């Protein structure tokens, strides 16, 4: 669960910093499912304080619903390693 949240944050940070592979045409950005790209962009539009609250909610939701961890991992393609943005 923590790994999934960490990789989500890494993707969001890479997108926010406009790292080339996370630009609109970047390979890693385009490889994410559309709904995950929207989630990341929506997350990045939140004020920093809200981002912390949102991550805490995500952690709690994943803790209460372990089946969602698998889905998030698949969307972030965690099976390929410790996050593609590294």
N, C-alpha and C. Protein backbone atom coordinates (compact mmCIF):
# COMPACT_ATOMS: atom_id res chain seq x y z
N UNK A 1 0.83 -1.18 0.00
CA UNK A 1 0.00 0.00 0.00
C UNK A 1 0.88 1.26 0.00
N UNK A 2 1.86 1.31 0.90
CA UNK A 2 2.74 2.48 0.94
C UNK A 2 3.50 2.66 -0.36
N UNK A 3 3.87 1.55 -0.96
CA UNK A 3 4.59 1.62 -2.24
C UNK A 3 3.71 2.25 -3.32
N UNK A 4 2.45 1.85 -3.35
CA UNK A 4 1.53 2.40 -4.35
C UNK A 4 1.35 3.90 -4.15
N UNK A 5 1.19 4.33 -2.91
CA UNK A 5 1.05 5.76 -2.62
C UNK A 5 2.34 6.50 -3.00
N UNK A 6 3.47 5.92 -2.70
CA UNK A 6 4.76 6.53 -3.02
C UNK A 6 4.93 6.70 -4.53
N UNK A 7 4.58 5.68 -5.29
CA UNK A 7 4.71 5.77 -6.75
C UNK A 7 3.70 6.78 -7.30
N UNK A 8 2.50 6.82 -6.74
CA UNK A 8 1.53 7.84 -7.15
C UNK A 8 2.12 9.24 -6.94
N UNK A 9 2.70 9.48 -5.75
CA UNK A 9 3.31 10.77 -5.46
C UNK A 9 4.46 11.07 -6.42
N UNK A 10 5.29 10.06 -6.71
CA UNK A 10 6.41 10.26 -7.65
C UNK A 10 5.88 10.68 -9.02
N UNK A 11 4.82 10.04 -9.48
CA UNK A 11 4.22 10.39 -10.77
C UNK A 11 3.67 11.82 -10.73
N UNK A 12 2.99 12.17 -9.64
CA UNK A 12 2.42 13.50 -9.52
C UNK A 12 3.51 14.56 -9.49
N UNK A 13 4.58 14.31 -8.76
CA UNK A 13 5.69 15.26 -8.68
C UNK A 13 6.35 15.42 -10.04
N UNK A 14 6.59 14.31 -10.72
CA UNK A 14 7.21 14.37 -12.05
C UNK A 14 6.35 15.17 -13.01
N UNK A 15 5.06 14.98 -12.93
CA UNK A 15 4.14 15.73 -13.79
C UNK A 15 4.16 17.21 -13.42
N UNK A 16 4.11 17.52 -12.13
CA UNK A 16 4.10 18.91 -11.67
C UNK A 16 5.39 19.65 -12.05
N UNK A 17 6.51 18.93 -12.02
CA UNK A 17 7.80 19.53 -12.37
C UNK A 17 8.02 19.59 -13.88
N UNK A 18 7.06 19.06 -14.61
CA UNK A 18 7.11 19.06 -16.08
C UNK A 18 8.33 18.32 -16.62
N UNK A 19 8.68 17.24 -15.94
CA UNK A 19 9.76 16.39 -16.42
C UNK A 19 9.35 15.84 -17.79
N UNK A 20 10.28 15.84 -18.73
CA UNK A 20 9.98 15.54 -20.13
C UNK A 20 9.12 14.29 -20.31
N UNK A 21 9.48 13.21 -19.66
CA UNK A 21 8.73 11.96 -19.88
C UNK A 21 7.32 12.02 -19.30
N UNK A 22 7.01 13.10 -18.56
CA UNK A 22 5.66 13.29 -18.02
C UNK A 22 4.94 14.48 -18.67
N UNK A 23 5.50 14.97 -19.78
CA UNK A 23 4.80 16.01 -20.53
C UNK A 23 3.60 15.37 -21.22
N UNK A 24 2.77 16.17 -21.85
CA UNK A 24 1.59 15.63 -22.54
C UNK A 24 1.96 14.58 -23.58
N UNK A 25 3.13 14.70 -24.15
CA UNK A 25 3.55 13.72 -25.17
C UNK A 25 4.58 12.73 -24.66
N UNK A 26 4.92 12.82 -23.38
CA UNK A 26 5.93 11.93 -22.81
C UNK A 26 5.47 10.47 -22.77
N UNK A 27 6.40 9.59 -23.02
CA UNK A 27 6.09 8.16 -23.10
C UNK A 27 5.51 7.62 -21.79
N UNK A 28 6.12 7.98 -20.66
CA UNK A 28 5.63 7.44 -19.39
C UNK A 28 4.27 8.01 -19.05
N UNK A 29 4.05 9.27 -19.34
CA UNK A 29 2.74 9.87 -19.07
C UNK A 29 1.68 9.21 -19.94
N UNK A 30 1.97 9.04 -21.19
CA UNK A 30 1.00 8.44 -22.09
C UNK A 30 0.74 6.96 -21.79
N UNK A 31 1.69 6.30 -21.10
CA UNK A 31 1.49 4.89 -20.80
C UNK A 31 0.53 4.68 -19.62
N UNK A 32 0.27 5.73 -18.84
CA UNK A 32 -0.68 5.62 -17.74
C UNK A 32 -2.11 5.63 -18.28
N UNK A 33 -3.00 4.90 -17.66
CA UNK A 33 -4.41 4.94 -18.09
C UNK A 33 -4.97 6.37 -17.98
N UNK A 34 -5.90 6.68 -18.83
CA UNK A 34 -6.50 8.01 -18.87
C UNK A 34 -7.03 8.44 -17.50
N UNK A 35 -7.71 7.53 -16.80
CA UNK A 35 -8.27 7.91 -15.50
C UNK A 35 -7.16 8.22 -14.49
N UNK A 36 -6.02 7.56 -14.57
CA UNK A 36 -4.91 7.85 -13.66
C UNK A 36 -4.28 9.20 -14.01
N UNK A 37 -4.16 9.49 -15.30
CA UNK A 37 -3.63 10.81 -15.70
C UNK A 37 -4.53 11.92 -15.18
N UNK A 38 -5.84 11.73 -15.28
CA UNK A 38 -6.79 12.73 -14.77
C UNK A 38 -6.66 12.86 -13.25
N UNK A 39 -6.55 11.74 -12.56
CA UNK A 39 -6.41 11.77 -11.11
C UNK A 39 -5.15 12.53 -10.70
N UNK A 40 -4.05 12.28 -11.39
CA UNK A 40 -2.79 12.96 -11.08
C UNK A 40 -2.90 14.45 -11.37
N UNK A 41 -3.46 14.82 -12.51
CA UNK A 41 -3.61 16.24 -12.83
C UNK A 41 -4.54 16.93 -11.83
N UNK A 42 -5.64 16.27 -11.47
CA UNK A 42 -6.55 16.84 -10.47
C UNK A 42 -5.83 17.02 -9.13
N UNK A 43 -5.05 16.01 -8.74
CA UNK A 43 -4.29 16.07 -7.49
C UNK A 43 -3.32 17.26 -7.51
N UNK A 44 -2.64 17.43 -8.62
CA UNK A 44 -1.65 18.51 -8.73
C UNK A 44 -2.28 19.90 -8.69
N UNK A 45 -3.55 20.01 -9.03
CA UNK A 45 -4.24 21.30 -8.98
C UNK A 45 -4.66 21.68 -7.55
N UNK A 46 -4.63 20.72 -6.65
CA UNK A 46 -5.02 20.99 -5.26
C UNK A 46 -3.94 21.82 -4.56
N UNK A 47 -4.35 22.66 -3.59
CA UNK A 47 -3.34 23.33 -2.75
C UNK A 47 -2.55 22.27 -1.99
N UNK A 48 -1.31 22.59 -1.63
CA UNK A 48 -0.43 21.63 -0.94
C UNK A 48 -1.09 21.00 0.28
N UNK A 49 -1.80 21.81 1.07
CA UNK A 49 -2.45 21.27 2.27
C UNK A 49 -3.49 20.22 1.90
N UNK A 50 -4.23 20.47 0.83
CA UNK A 50 -5.25 19.52 0.38
C UNK A 50 -4.61 18.26 -0.17
N UNK A 51 -3.44 18.40 -0.79
CA UNK A 51 -2.75 17.21 -1.29
C UNK A 51 -2.41 16.27 -0.15
N UNK A 52 -1.95 16.82 0.97
CA UNK A 52 -1.63 15.98 2.13
C UNK A 52 -2.88 15.28 2.64
N UNK A 53 -3.98 15.99 2.71
CA UNK A 53 -5.25 15.40 3.16
C UNK A 53 -5.69 14.31 2.19
N UNK A 54 -5.56 14.58 0.91
CA UNK A 54 -5.95 13.62 -0.11
C UNK A 54 -5.12 12.34 -0.02
N UNK A 55 -3.82 12.48 0.19
CA UNK A 55 -2.96 11.30 0.33
C UNK A 55 -3.33 10.50 1.58
N UNK A 56 -3.66 11.18 2.65
CA UNK A 56 -4.08 10.49 3.88
C UNK A 56 -5.39 9.73 3.63
N UNK A 57 -6.30 10.34 2.90
CA UNK A 57 -7.56 9.66 2.56
C UNK A 57 -7.30 8.44 1.68
N UNK A 58 -6.40 8.60 0.72
CA UNK A 58 -6.05 7.48 -0.15
C UNK A 58 -5.49 6.32 0.67
N UNK A 59 -4.57 6.63 1.60
CA UNK A 59 -3.98 5.59 2.46
C UNK A 59 -5.06 4.86 3.25
N UNK A 60 -5.97 5.64 3.83
CA UNK A 60 -7.04 5.05 4.65
C UNK A 60 -7.97 4.20 3.78
N UNK A 61 -8.31 4.71 2.60
CA UNK A 61 -9.17 3.96 1.69
C UNK A 61 -8.51 2.64 1.29
N UNK A 62 -7.22 2.69 0.99
CA UNK A 62 -6.51 1.47 0.60
C UNK A 62 -6.38 0.50 1.78
N UNK A 63 -6.22 1.04 2.97
CA UNK A 63 -6.14 0.19 4.16
C UNK A 63 -7.47 -0.53 4.39
N UNK A 64 -8.57 0.18 4.19
CA UNK A 64 -9.90 -0.40 4.41
C UNK A 64 -10.36 -1.28 3.25
N UNK A 65 -9.79 -1.06 2.08
CA UNK A 65 -10.19 -1.80 0.88
C UNK A 65 -8.96 -2.35 0.17
N UNK A 66 -8.38 -3.41 0.71
CA UNK A 66 -7.13 -3.94 0.15
C UNK A 66 -7.21 -4.30 -1.34
N UNK A 67 -8.40 -4.62 -1.82
CA UNK A 67 -8.54 -4.94 -3.25
C UNK A 67 -8.22 -3.74 -4.12
N UNK A 68 -8.37 -2.54 -3.59
CA UNK A 68 -8.05 -1.34 -4.36
C UNK A 68 -6.55 -1.15 -4.53
N UNK A 69 -5.75 -1.73 -3.63
CA UNK A 69 -4.29 -1.64 -3.75
C UNK A 69 -3.86 -2.30 -5.05
N UNK A 70 -4.40 -3.47 -5.32
CA UNK A 70 -4.07 -4.20 -6.55
C UNK A 70 -4.44 -3.37 -7.79
N UNK A 71 -5.61 -2.77 -7.77
CA UNK A 71 -6.05 -1.97 -8.92
C UNK A 71 -5.13 -0.77 -9.12
N UNK A 72 -4.80 -0.07 -8.02
CA UNK A 72 -3.90 1.08 -8.13
C UNK A 72 -2.53 0.64 -8.63
N UNK A 73 -2.05 -0.48 -8.12
CA UNK A 73 -0.75 -1.00 -8.55
C UNK A 73 -0.76 -1.29 -10.05
N UNK A 74 -1.85 -1.86 -10.52
CA UNK A 74 -1.95 -2.16 -11.96
C UNK A 74 -1.96 -0.87 -12.77
N UNK A 75 -2.71 0.12 -12.31
CA UNK A 75 -2.78 1.39 -13.04
C UNK A 75 -1.42 2.09 -13.08
N UNK A 76 -0.67 1.95 -12.01
CA UNK A 76 0.65 2.57 -11.94
C UNK A 76 1.74 1.65 -12.47
N UNK A 77 1.34 0.45 -12.86
CA UNK A 77 2.24 -0.56 -13.41
C UNK A 77 3.38 -0.86 -12.46
N UNK A 78 3.05 -1.08 -11.19
CA UNK A 78 4.08 -1.37 -10.19
C UNK A 78 4.73 -2.72 -10.41
N UNK A 79 4.08 -3.57 -11.16
CA UNK A 79 4.67 -4.87 -11.41
C UNK A 79 5.94 -4.76 -12.25
N UNK A 80 6.20 -3.60 -12.83
CA UNK A 80 7.41 -3.39 -13.63
C UNK A 80 8.60 -2.95 -12.80
N UNK A 81 8.39 -2.70 -11.53
CA UNK A 81 9.51 -2.27 -10.69
C UNK A 81 9.09 -1.20 -9.74
N UNK A 82 10.04 -0.53 -9.16
CA UNK A 82 9.78 0.47 -8.13
C UNK A 82 9.41 1.81 -8.70
N UNK A 83 8.56 1.86 -9.65
CA UNK A 83 8.13 3.15 -10.18
C UNK A 83 8.93 3.51 -11.40
N UNK A 84 8.23 3.81 -12.45
CA UNK A 84 8.88 4.07 -13.72
C UNK A 84 9.54 5.43 -13.77
N UNK A 85 9.20 6.31 -12.83
CA UNK A 85 9.76 7.66 -12.87
C UNK A 85 11.14 7.77 -12.27
N UNK A 86 11.69 6.69 -11.78
CA UNK A 86 12.99 6.76 -11.10
C UNK A 86 14.12 6.47 -12.03
